[in-house]
Amino acid sequence: MDQNLFPTIDTAATGRNIQRLRKESGLTVRDLQDYFGFEDPQAIYRWQWGRSLPSVDNLYALSMLLHVPMNEILVPQTSIYYTNEKTAEKAVFSFIFVVGVDTNPQIP
């Protein structure tokens, strides 16, 4: 039986997480814009909307600003690709782990 695990980042959940962490820290989008030196807030909104992720440098800076490790900002989405050798059928199962949510989900 062939089974491959390939972790990916859930950009939408990560964006919601960035927004939540920002608000919990009492920071506005404008505060982040000023901190990063952006001329406009669109990059911050794209992160929060899950349309893009911060660069590694910006992610590191964001973690320092929010006082959390980088891995607490990113929300992984792990896809398990399972191949049944007898039928050659493939099934994809995705599990999303979000900070503050049950981190021990039941596998169907």
C-alpha atoms as a PDB file:
ATOM      1  CA  MET A   1       0.000   0.000   0.000  1.00  0.00           C
ATOM      2  CA  ASP A   2       1.474   3.344  -1.088  1.00  0.00           C
ATOM      3  CA  GLN A   3       0.746   6.334   1.122  1.00  0.00           C
ATOM      4  CA  ASN A   4       2.256   9.809   0.695  1.00  0.00           C
ATOM      5  CA  LEU A   5       1.891  12.702   3.107  1.00  0.00           C
ATOM      6  CA  PHE A   6       2.408  16.190   1.729  1.00  0.00           C
ATOM      7  CA  PRO A   7       1.837  19.102   4.099  1.00  0.00           C
ATOM      8  CA  THR A   8       0.552  22.383   2.687  1.00  0.00           C
ATOM      9  CA  ILE A   9      -0.493  25.715   4.154  1.00  0.00           C
ATOM     10  CA  ASP A  10      -4.158  26.632   4.231  1.00  0.00           C
ATOM     11  CA  THR A  11      -3.958  30.248   3.060  1.00  0.00           C
ATOM     12  CA  ALA A  12      -7.561  31.126   3.936  1.00  0.00           C
ATOM     13  CA  ALA A  13      -7.295  29.759   7.489  1.00  0.00           C
ATOM     14  CA  THR A  14      -3.871  31.367   7.875  1.00  0.00           C
ATOM     15  CA  GLY A  15      -5.347  34.704   6.814  1.00  0.00           C
ATOM     16  CA  ARG A  16      -8.117  34.406   9.383  1.00  0.00           C
ATOM     17  CA  ASN A  17      -5.482  33.486  11.953  1.00  0.00           C
ATOM     18  CA  ILE A  18      -3.380  36.562  11.094  1.00  0.00           C
ATOM     19  CA  GLN A  19      -6.451  38.752  11.495  1.00  0.00           C
ATOM     20  CA  ARG A  20      -7.355  37.121  14.830  1.00  0.00           C
ATOM     21  CA  LEU A  21      -3.816  37.454  16.194  1.00  0.00           C
ATOM     22  CA  ARG A  22      -3.623  41.072  15.030  1.00  0.00           C
ATOM     23  CA  LYS A  23      -6.875  41.949  16.782  1.00  0.00           C
ATOM     24  CA  GLU A  24      -5.902  40.069  19.955  1.00  0.00           C
ATOM     25  CA  SER A  25      -2.707  42.149  20.007  1.00  0.00           C
ATOM     26  CA  GLY A  26      -4.760  45.333  19.760  1.00  0.00           C
ATOM     27  CA  LEU A  27      -3.241  46.239  16.386  1.00  0.00           C
ATOM     28  CA  THR A  28      -4.981  47.734  13.363  1.00  0.00           C
ATOM     29  CA  VAL A  29      -4.259  47.063   9.707  1.00  0.00           C
ATOM     30  CA  ARG A  30      -2.757  50.555   9.641  1.00  0.00           C
ATOM     31  CA  ASP A  31      -0.408  49.579  12.497  1.00  0.00           C
ATOM     32  CA  LEU A  32       0.858  46.613  10.455  1.00  0.00           C
ATOM     33  CA  GLN A  33       1.141  48.779   7.345  1.00  0.00           C
ATOM     34  CA  ASP A  34       3.317  51.253   9.229  1.00  0.00           C
ATOM     35  CA  TYR A  35       5.372  48.490  10.877  1.00  0.00           C
ATOM     36  CA  PHE A  36       6.200  46.912   7.506  1.00  0.00           C
ATOM     37  CA  GLY A  37       6.643  50.255   5.776  1.00  0.00           C
ATOM     38  CA  PHE A  38       4.039  49.515   3.109  1.00  0.00           C
ATOM     39  CA  GLU A  39       2.683  52.496   1.156  1.00  0.00           C
ATOM     40  CA  ASP A  40      -0.830  51.030   1.208  1.00  0.00           C
ATOM     41  CA  PRO A  41      -2.526  48.313   3.254  1.00  0.00           C
ATOM     42  CA  GLN A  42      -3.333  45.976   0.349  1.00  0.00           C
ATOM     43  CA  ALA A  43      -0.606  43.428   1.229  1.00  0.00           C
ATOM     44  CA  ILE A  44      -2.006  43.124   4.753  1.00  0.00           C
ATOM     45  CA  TYR A  45      -5.549  42.652   3.423  1.00  0.00           C
ATOM     46  CA  ARG A  46      -4.341  40.030   0.913  1.00  0.00           C
ATOM     47  CA  TRP A  47      -2.787  38.099   3.815  1.00  0.00           C
ATOM     48  CA  GLN A  48      -5.981  38.348   5.884  1.00  0.00           C
ATOM     49  CA  TRP A  49      -8.199  37.361   2.942  1.00  0.00           C
ATOM     50  CA  GLY A  50      -5.994  34.333   2.226  1.00  0.00           C
ATOM     51  CA  ARG A  51      -5.043  35.565  -1.238  1.00  0.00           C
ATOM     52  CA  SER A  52      -1.319  35.509  -0.434  1.00  0.00           C
ATOM     53  CA  LEU A  53       1.069  34.666   2.353  1.00  0.00           C
ATOM     54  CA  PRO A  54       3.706  36.910   3.889  1.00  0.00           C
ATOM     55  CA  SER A  55       7.245  36.368   2.620  1.00  0.00           C
ATOM     56  CA  VAL A  56       9.498  34.468   5.007  1.00  0.00           C
ATOM     57  CA  ASP A  57      11.082  37.749   6.150  1.00  0.00           C
ATOM     58  CA  ASN A  58       7.680  39.355   6.715  1.00  0.00           C
ATOM     59  CA  LEU A  59       6.384  36.233   8.446  1.00  0.00           C
ATOM     60  CA  TYR A  60       9.349  36.348  10.823  1.00  0.00           C
ATOM     61  CA  ALA A  61       8.798  40.062  11.500  1.00  0.00           C
ATOM     62  CA  LEU A  62       5.064  39.442  12.019  1.00  0.00           C
ATOM     63  CA  SER A  63       5.832  36.700  14.534  1.00  0.00           C
ATOM     64  CA  MET A  64       8.074  39.099  16.466  1.00  0.00           C
ATOM     65  CA  LEU A  65       5.421  41.836  16.408  1.00  0.00           C
ATOM     66  CA  LEU A  66       2.648  39.474  17.535  1.00  0.00           C
ATOM     67  CA  HIS A  67       4.906  37.687  20.050  1.00  0.00           C
ATOM     68  CA  VAL A  68       4.119  34.226  18.664  1.00  0.00           C
ATOM     69  CA  PRO A  69       6.267  31.648  16.860  1.00  0.00           C
ATOM     70  CA  MET A  70       5.885  31.541  13.070  1.00  0.00           C
ATOM     71  CA  ASN A  71       4.275  28.098  13.245  1.00  0.00           C
ATOM     72  CA  GLU A  72       1.454  29.602  15.332  1.00  0.00           C
ATOM     73  CA  ILE A  73       0.666  32.001  12.486  1.00  0.00           C
ATOM     74  CA  LEU A  74       0.604  29.418   9.708  1.00  0.00           C
ATOM     75  CA  VAL A  75      -2.280  26.950   9.575  1.00  0.00           C
ATOM     76  CA  PRO A  76      -1.314  23.653   7.943  1.00  0.00           C
ATOM     77  CA  GLN A  77      -3.622  21.679   5.724  1.00  0.00           C
ATOM     78  CA  THR A  78      -2.404  18.132   5.429  1.00  0.00           C
ATOM     79  CA  SER A  79      -3.617  16.109   2.483  1.00  0.00           C
ATOM     80  CA  ILE A  80      -3.227  12.368   2.598  1.00  0.00           C
ATOM     81  CA  TYR A  81      -3.124  10.686  -0.786  1.00  0.00           C
ATOM     82  CA  TYR A  82      -4.033   7.045  -0.417  1.00  0.00           C
ATOM     83  CA  THR A  83      -3.692   4.563  -3.254  1.00  0.00           C
ATOM     84  CA  ASN A  84      -5.485   1.244  -3.077  1.00  0.00           C
ATOM     85  CA  GLU A  85      -3.266  -1.154  -5.016  1.00  0.00           C
ATOM     86  CA  LYS A  86      -6.077  -3.632  -5.721  1.00  0.00           C
ATOM     87  CA  THR A  87      -8.439  -1.180  -7.401  1.00  0.00           C
ATOM     88  CA  ALA A  88      -5.958   1.535  -8.388  1.00  0.00           C
ATOM     89  CA  GLU A  89      -8.427   4.066  -7.014  1.00  0.00           C
ATOM     90  CA  LYS A  90      -7.211   7.178  -5.297  1.00  0.00           C
ATOM     91  CA  ALA A  91      -8.916   9.069  -2.521  1.00  0.00           C
ATOM     92  CA  VAL A  92      -7.907  12.403  -1.055  1.00  0.00           C
ATOM     93  CA  PHE A  93      -8.562  13.288   2.569  1.00  0.00           C
ATOM     94  CA  SER A  94      -7.795  16.743   3.937  1.00  0.00           C
ATOM     95  CA  PHE A  95      -7.467  17.687   7.560  1.00  0.00           C
ATOM     96  CA  ILE A  96      -7.242  21.281   8.713  1.00  0.00           C
ATOM     97  CA  PHE A  97      -5.683  22.066  12.065  1.00  0.00           C
ATOM     98  CA  VAL A  98      -6.564  25.466  13.478  1.00  0.00           C
ATOM     99  CA  VAL A  99      -5.141  26.953  16.647  1.00  0.00           C
ATOM    100  CA  GLY A 100      -7.672  26.654  19.451  1.00  0.00           C
ATOM    101  CA  VAL A 101      -9.672  23.916  17.746  1.00  0.00           C
ATOM    102  CA  ASP A 102      -9.642  20.171  18.366  1.00  0.00           C
ATOM    103  CA  THR A 103      -6.173  19.154  17.206  1.00  0.00           C
ATOM    104  CA  ASN A 104      -7.020  15.478  17.363  1.00  0.00           C
ATOM    105  CA  PRO A 105      -9.690  15.102  14.628  1.00  0.00           C
ATOM    106  CA  GLN A 106     -11.327  11.777  13.888  1.00  0.00           C
ATOM    107  CA  ILE A 107     -10.191  10.255  10.591  1.00  0.00           C
ATOM    108  CA  PRO A 108     -13.166   9.111   8.485  1.00  0.00           C
END
